[in-house]
Amino acid sequence: METKTISEREGEKIFFIQPSFFKRYYELKSNEELLATLQQKGFFGMTWNVSIGNKNWEIYKPSIWRTGYAVRPAGYDMPIAEFKRDGLRDRGTVQLQRGERIKIIPHLFKGFTEITSEGEEQFVRIKSKTSLRDKAEVFITKKSEIIDNNPWLVVLAYIISIEQRHRASHST
């Protein structure tokens, strides 16, 4: 049986969950099927190890002084994509290897983050749920070859939304 791609799961209930409040470990599940895992590493949490299917990536901050992220296959040094924020805002653009650009747009007060094309065509929406542990529902809104070829984009958008919520809670 062939595994479905992320965007073929349109209409399914997909959730990011944090199984334990005390661990920086998250799972992406559809029903009871485990689709991905992500774990924050390091004292400053600058690296996330991501596993989707049989592929592994690292999502990391290239420098403690920079606010963006870079993505590389596990075990490699060179990034395959970079997320750069739009100025001081949380939203930004992911530059992929082949020159493709994808936007990640968090809406803190509306409680969701979206992944869109440059033309604002929405592919994925991640809606945060209120609970003691981090939890979010993922809505696949449009089938996309870019999302299927780069499934870590969904994880990156979730990491950005976690970071944004944590920053907002510490500033109050």
Protein backbone atom coordinates (compact mmCIF):
# COMPACT_ATOMS: atom_id res chain seq x y z
CA MET A 1 0.00 0.00 0.00
CA GLU A 2 1.42 3.37 -1.03
CA THR A 3 1.51 6.14 1.56
CA LYS A 4 -0.52 9.27 0.88
CA THR A 5 1.28 12.56 0.43
CA ILE A 6 0.48 15.43 2.78
CA SER A 7 -1.73 17.30 0.31
CA GLU A 8 -3.67 14.11 -0.56
CA ARG A 9 -4.98 14.24 3.01
CA GLU A 10 -7.33 17.10 2.19
CA GLY A 11 -10.44 16.75 4.36
CA GLU A 12 -8.81 14.42 6.92
CA LYS A 13 -8.40 15.35 10.59
CA ILE A 14 -4.70 16.05 11.05
CA PHE A 15 -3.21 17.27 14.33
CA PHE A 16 0.10 18.35 15.78
CA ILE A 17 0.24 17.13 19.37
CA GLN A 18 2.77 17.36 22.17
CA PRO A 19 2.52 13.98 23.97
CA SER A 20 4.33 15.23 27.09
CA PHE A 21 4.27 18.75 28.51
CA PHE A 22 7.83 18.30 29.81
CA LYS A 23 9.44 17.26 26.52
CA ARG A 24 10.06 19.36 23.43
CA TYR A 25 8.76 16.58 21.20
CA TYR A 26 5.76 16.78 18.86
CA GLU A 27 3.89 14.44 16.54
CA LEU A 28 1.81 15.05 13.42
CA LYS A 29 -1.00 12.51 13.25
CA SER A 30 -3.92 11.73 10.99
CA ASN A 31 -6.41 9.68 12.99
CA GLU A 32 -3.96 7.34 14.75
CA GLU A 33 -1.44 7.24 11.88
CA LEU A 34 1.88 8.91 12.72
CA LEU A 35 2.86 11.17 9.80
CA ALA A 36 5.81 13.08 11.27
CA THR A 37 7.81 13.72 14.42
CA LEU A 38 9.73 16.79 15.43
CA GLN A 39 12.01 17.33 18.39
CA GLN A 40 13.71 20.51 19.51
CA LYS A 41 17.40 20.03 20.31
CA GLY A 42 20.07 22.02 22.09
CA PHE A 43 20.07 24.29 25.09
CA PHE A 44 18.84 27.30 23.13
CA GLY A 45 16.51 25.21 20.96
CA MET A 46 18.09 26.36 17.73
CA THR A 47 17.67 23.01 15.94
CA TRP A 48 14.62 20.84 15.25
CA ASN A 49 15.03 17.25 14.06
CA VAL A 50 12.16 16.38 11.72
CA SER A 51 11.21 12.92 10.49
CA ILE A 52 8.51 12.45 7.84
CA GLY A 53 8.10 8.96 6.43
CA ASN A 54 11.61 7.65 5.83
CA LYS A 55 13.19 11.09 5.35
CA ASN A 56 14.88 13.27 7.96
CA TRP A 57 15.63 16.99 7.98
CA GLU A 58 17.05 19.58 10.33
CA ILE A 59 15.31 22.92 10.68
CA TYR A 60 17.71 25.29 12.38
CA LYS A 61 18.59 28.90 13.06
CA PRO A 62 21.83 29.61 11.17
CA SER A 63 22.89 32.08 13.87
CA ILE A 64 21.70 33.12 17.31
CA TRP A 65 21.53 36.67 15.95
CA ARG A 66 19.26 35.87 12.99
CA THR A 67 15.50 35.37 13.20
CA GLY A 68 15.07 33.17 10.14
CA TYR A 69 15.42 29.43 9.68
CA ALA A 70 17.24 27.15 7.27
CA VAL A 71 16.38 23.57 6.29
CA ARG A 72 18.80 20.80 5.34
CA PRO A 73 18.59 17.03 4.99
CA ALA A 74 19.88 15.34 8.16
CA GLY A 75 23.63 14.77 7.98
CA TYR A 76 24.27 17.50 5.40
CA ASP A 77 25.82 20.94 5.87
CA MET A 78 24.23 22.98 3.08
CA PRO A 79 20.64 24.21 3.39
CA ILE A 80 18.05 23.34 0.74
CA ALA A 81 15.75 26.20 1.78
CA GLU A 82 15.74 29.35 3.88
CA PHE A 83 12.94 31.18 5.68
CA LYS A 84 13.47 34.93 5.91
CA ARG A 85 11.15 37.19 7.87
CA ASP A 86 9.62 40.26 6.26
CA GLY A 87 11.45 42.91 8.29
CA LEU A 88 10.50 42.72 11.96
CA ARG A 89 7.25 40.85 11.27
CA ASP A 90 6.65 37.17 12.01
CA ARG A 91 5.53 36.46 8.47
CA GLY A 92 8.11 35.63 5.85
CA THR A 93 9.09 33.77 2.71
CA VAL A 94 10.68 30.38 2.19
CA GLN A 95 13.13 30.36 -0.71
CA LEU A 96 13.36 26.83 -2.15
CA GLN A 97 16.23 25.36 -4.17
CA ARG A 98 14.60 25.76 -7.58
CA GLY A 99 13.75 29.40 -7.00
CA GLU A 100 10.20 28.70 -5.82
CA ARG A 101 8.92 30.94 -3.05
CA ILE A 102 6.32 30.04 -0.43
CA LYS A 103 4.89 32.40 2.19
CA ILE A 104 4.31 31.46 5.82
CA ILE A 105 1.90 33.89 7.44
CA PRO A 106 1.13 33.58 11.17
CA HIS A 107 -1.97 35.37 12.50
CA LEU A 108 -1.38 35.41 16.27
CA PHE A 109 -4.65 37.06 17.31
CA LYS A 110 -6.74 35.02 14.87
CA GLY A 111 -5.07 31.82 16.14
CA PHE A 112 -3.86 30.34 12.87
CA THR A 113 -0.87 30.18 10.51
CA GLU A 114 -1.15 29.69 6.78
CA ILE A 115 1.13 28.50 4.00
CA THR A 116 0.45 30.25 0.71
CA SER A 117 1.93 30.75 -2.73
CA GLU A 118 3.41 34.14 -3.62
CA GLY A 119 0.02 34.94 -5.14
CA GLU A 120 -1.65 34.33 -1.72
CA GLU A 121 -3.20 30.99 -2.81
CA GLN A 122 -3.61 29.06 0.45
CA PHE A 123 -2.33 25.45 0.62
CA VAL A 124 -2.32 24.71 4.37
CA ARG A 125 -3.85 26.29 7.46
CA ILE A 126 -2.69 25.42 10.98
CA LYS A 127 -5.13 26.38 13.74
CA SER A 128 -3.83 26.43 17.31
CA LYS A 129 -5.92 24.80 20.02
CA THR A 130 -5.96 26.08 23.58
CA SER A 131 -4.56 23.55 26.03
CA LEU A 132 -1.75 23.06 28.53
CA ARG A 133 0.29 21.23 25.90
CA ASP A 134 0.84 22.60 22.40
CA LYS A 135 -1.77 21.29 19.98
CA ALA A 136 -2.90 22.41 16.54
CA GLU A 137 -5.24 21.19 13.82
CA VAL A 138 -3.91 21.11 10.25
CA PHE A 139 -6.24 21.79 7.33
CA ILE A 140 -5.03 20.94 3.85
CA THR A 141 -6.92 23.47 1.74
CA LYS A 142 -5.45 22.73 -1.70
CA LYS A 143 -3.41 19.93 -3.26
CA SER A 144 0.11 21.17 -3.99
CA GLU A 145 3.13 19.52 -5.55
CA ILE A 146 5.39 21.97 -3.70
CA ILE A 147 3.99 20.81 -0.32
CA ASP A 148 4.27 17.16 -1.38
CA ASN A 149 7.90 17.61 -2.47
CA ASN A 150 8.72 19.65 0.67
CA PRO A 151 6.51 18.22 3.45
CA TRP A 152 8.75 19.86 6.05
CA LEU A 153 7.07 23.19 5.09
CA VAL A 154 4.08 22.20 7.26
CA VAL A 155 6.44 21.50 10.18
CA LEU A 156 8.32 24.78 9.64
CA ALA A 157 5.04 26.74 9.71
CA TYR A 158 4.12 25.00 12.98
CA ILE A 159 7.54 25.77 14.51
CA ILE A 160 7.09 29.45 13.57
CA SER A 161 3.63 29.49 15.19
CA ILE A 162 5.00 27.84 18.38
CA GLU A 163 7.81 30.39 18.54
CA GLN A 164 5.38 33.27 18.02
CA ARG A 165 3.00 32.05 20.76
CA HIS A 166 5.85 31.50 23.23
CA ARG A 167 7.25 34.97 22.56
CA ALA A 168 3.80 36.52 23.01
CA SER A 169 3.23 34.68 26.31
CA HIS A 170 6.62 35.79 27.69
CA SER A 171 6.03 39.42 26.83
CA THR A 172 2.84 39.72 28.91
